[in-house]
Amino acid sequence: MTIGINGMISQILHQKTFEKTVSLHNSKFISNKRMYMNRINVFLLFAVWIGLNACQSKGKQAIEKEMGEETLIIAPTEEEKTITGIVGDASTDHFVLITSKGDTLFISTMDQEPNDVTGFELGDTVRVNYIEEEEEPGSSTIPTAQKVIVIGKKDRDK
């Protein structure tokens, strides 16, 4: 089996062409693999970014937009006022104050610091610092205690 010079040259060229084809195919495969990995990395970074943004607290304006008009909105309508009277009735979220004129006033203690609005008992004379809040815009106001100070204890020995 004698191969002529032309046959040998043909085989060498064919071998080199085959090696270039395999090399080109491998480089395309590696290039496609890199592109695929880059796409995965971009997708993962995007997913992490969305997750972090979803976990952040919302701004005040965004919360107000979400609340809409149906939600109970409490807004102070006046400056802090002071009134003095005797505690006529009490529960965990309000108490009734009887003024020196005999007026009965319902005072809310809801959503206040417990240390600021406790320490009194039925019959005690107290000074109440309060603000008037509206449950809904345009509705009547509710006195809400900011601080309750006991200025006289009821004599409980009798």
Protein backbone atom coordinates (compact mmCIF):
# COMPACT_ATOMS: atom_id res chain seq x y z
CA MET A 1 0.00 0.00 0.00
CA THR A 2 1.90 2.78 -1.20
CA ILE A 3 0.38 6.17 -0.89
CA GLY A 4 1.64 8.79 -3.14
CA ILE A 5 2.73 12.24 -2.14
CA ASN A 6 -0.61 13.62 -3.26
CA GLY A 7 -2.40 11.05 -1.09
CA MET A 8 -0.30 11.96 1.93
CA ILE A 9 -0.87 15.65 1.43
CA SER A 10 -4.57 14.96 1.07
CA GLN A 11 -4.62 12.96 4.33
CA ILE A 12 -2.68 15.64 6.20
CA LEU A 13 -5.01 18.37 4.93
CA HIS A 14 -8.03 16.26 5.79
CA GLN A 15 -6.60 15.64 9.31
CA LYS A 16 -5.93 19.38 9.86
CA THR A 17 -9.41 20.27 8.59
CA PHE A 18 -10.88 17.69 10.97
CA GLU A 19 -8.86 19.08 13.91
CA LYS A 20 -9.96 22.65 13.06
CA THR A 21 -13.59 21.51 12.87
CA VAL A 22 -13.37 19.72 16.24
CA SER A 23 -11.55 22.70 17.76
CA LEU A 24 -14.12 25.12 16.35
CA HIS A 25 -16.95 22.93 17.62
CA ASN A 26 -15.37 22.79 21.11
CA SER A 27 -14.83 26.55 21.20
CA LYS A 28 -18.49 27.12 20.18
CA PHE A 29 -19.57 24.70 22.88
CA ILE A 30 -17.45 26.49 25.48
CA SER A 31 -18.68 29.85 24.22
CA ASN A 32 -22.31 28.68 24.44
CA LYS A 33 -21.68 27.29 27.90
CA ARG A 34 -20.19 30.62 29.04
CA MET A 35 -23.13 32.52 27.56
CA TYR A 36 -25.53 30.13 29.29
CA MET A 37 -23.73 30.61 32.63
CA ASN A 38 -23.73 34.39 32.16
CA ARG A 39 -27.49 34.31 31.56
CA ILE A 40 -28.00 32.23 34.69
CA ASN A 41 -25.86 34.65 36.73
CA VAL A 42 -27.84 37.65 35.43
CA PHE A 43 -31.12 35.89 36.21
CA LEU A 44 -29.97 34.99 39.73
CA LEU A 45 -28.78 38.54 40.43
CA PHE A 46 -32.10 39.90 39.18
CA ALA A 47 -34.04 37.45 41.39
CA VAL A 48 -31.97 38.43 44.46
CA TRP A 49 -32.50 42.13 43.69
CA ILE A 50 -36.28 41.63 43.47
CA GLY A 51 -36.24 39.66 46.72
CA LEU A 52 -34.31 42.35 48.57
CA ASN A 53 -36.58 45.11 47.28
CA ALA A 54 -39.67 43.16 48.28
CA CYS A 55 -38.37 42.83 51.85
CA GLN A 56 -37.70 46.53 52.36
CA SER A 57 -40.20 48.57 54.33
CA LYS A 58 -42.55 50.71 52.34
CA GLY A 59 -42.38 54.48 52.35
CA LYS A 60 -45.05 56.49 54.12
CA GLN A 61 -46.62 57.66 50.85
CA ALA A 62 -46.83 54.11 49.52
CA ILE A 63 -48.53 52.97 52.71
CA GLU A 64 -51.00 55.85 52.57
CA LYS A 65 -51.84 55.01 48.95
CA GLU A 66 -52.41 51.38 49.94
CA MET A 67 -54.66 52.28 52.85
CA GLY A 68 -57.17 54.15 50.73
CA GLU A 69 -60.23 55.87 52.15
CA GLU A 70 -61.80 52.77 53.72
CA THR A 71 -59.21 52.50 56.50
CA LEU A 72 -59.63 54.15 59.87
CA ILE A 73 -57.45 57.25 59.87
CA ILE A 74 -56.72 58.94 63.16
CA ALA A 75 -55.28 62.43 62.91
CA PRO A 76 -54.83 64.91 65.74
CA THR A 77 -57.11 67.89 65.32
CA GLU A 78 -55.89 70.12 68.15
CA GLU A 79 -52.99 70.76 70.47
CA GLU A 80 -52.67 68.91 73.74
CA LYS A 81 -55.25 69.97 76.33
CA THR A 82 -55.55 69.35 80.08
CA ILE A 83 -58.62 68.44 82.12
CA THR A 84 -59.05 67.45 85.76
CA GLY A 85 -61.67 65.18 87.27
CA ILE A 86 -62.50 62.00 89.17
CA VAL A 87 -62.19 58.57 87.58
CA GLY A 88 -65.72 57.16 87.41
CA ASP A 89 -65.10 53.96 85.43
CA ALA A 90 -62.09 52.31 83.79
CA SER A 91 -61.16 49.49 81.45
CA THR A 92 -58.06 48.47 79.51
CA ASP A 93 -58.61 50.89 76.62
CA HIS A 94 -60.56 53.82 78.13
CA PHE A 95 -61.82 55.45 81.29
CA VAL A 96 -64.63 57.81 82.26
CA LEU A 97 -63.76 61.12 83.86
CA ILE A 98 -66.29 63.14 85.87
CA THR A 99 -65.37 66.82 85.84
CA SER A 100 -65.98 69.33 88.67
CA LYS A 101 -68.98 70.63 86.69
CA GLY A 102 -70.50 67.12 86.70
CA ASP A 103 -69.80 66.45 83.01
CA THR A 104 -68.94 62.87 82.11
CA LEU A 105 -66.16 62.47 79.57
CA PHE A 106 -65.12 59.24 77.81
CA ILE A 107 -61.31 59.22 77.39
CA SER A 108 -59.51 56.68 75.23
CA THR A 109 -56.18 55.17 76.27
CA MET A 110 -55.90 52.91 73.23
CA ASP A 111 -52.49 52.76 71.49
CA GLN A 112 -50.78 54.72 74.28
CA GLU A 113 -47.75 53.80 76.35
CA PRO A 114 -49.07 51.92 79.43
CA ASN A 115 -46.74 53.81 81.79
CA ASP A 116 -48.24 57.14 80.68
CA VAL A 117 -51.91 56.25 81.18
CA THR A 118 -52.03 53.92 84.20
CA GLY A 119 -51.59 54.10 87.95
CA PHE A 120 -55.04 55.42 88.88
CA GLU A 121 -58.04 53.70 90.44
CA LEU A 122 -61.76 54.37 90.59
CA GLY A 123 -62.44 57.52 92.63
CA ASP A 124 -58.94 59.00 92.19
CA THR A 125 -58.62 62.63 91.15
CA VAL A 126 -56.48 62.87 88.02
CA ARG A 127 -55.14 65.47 85.61
CA VAL A 128 -55.31 64.24 82.02
CA ASN A 129 -53.23 65.63 79.17
CA TYR A 130 -55.12 64.68 76.01
CA ILE A 131 -55.61 65.43 72.34
CA GLU A 132 -58.78 65.15 70.33
CA GLU A 133 -58.61 62.70 67.45
CA GLU A 134 -61.01 62.06 64.60
CA GLU A 135 -61.83 58.45 63.77
CA GLU A 136 -62.62 59.51 60.21
CA PRO A 137 -62.23 62.89 58.56
CA GLY A 138 -65.25 65.04 59.36
CA SER A 139 -66.55 62.82 62.17
CA SER A 140 -66.73 63.65 65.87
CA THR A 141 -63.56 63.69 67.92
CA ILE A 142 -62.49 61.33 70.71
CA PRO A 143 -60.33 62.60 73.58
CA THR A 144 -57.23 60.41 73.72
CA ALA A 145 -55.11 60.51 76.86
CA GLN A 146 -51.44 61.26 76.35
CA LYS A 147 -50.57 61.29 80.06
CA VAL A 148 -52.60 60.69 83.23
CA ILE A 149 -51.29 62.16 86.50
CA VAL A 150 -52.85 61.17 89.83
CA ILE A 151 -53.24 64.32 91.94
CA GLY A 152 -55.41 62.86 94.71
CA LYS A 153 -56.11 59.34 95.91
CA LYS A 154 -59.54 58.31 97.09
CA ASP A 155 -59.57 57.53 100.79
CA ARG A 156 -59.94 53.76 100.72
CA ASP A 157 -59.87 53.20 104.50
CA LYS A 158 -63.52 54.08 105.00
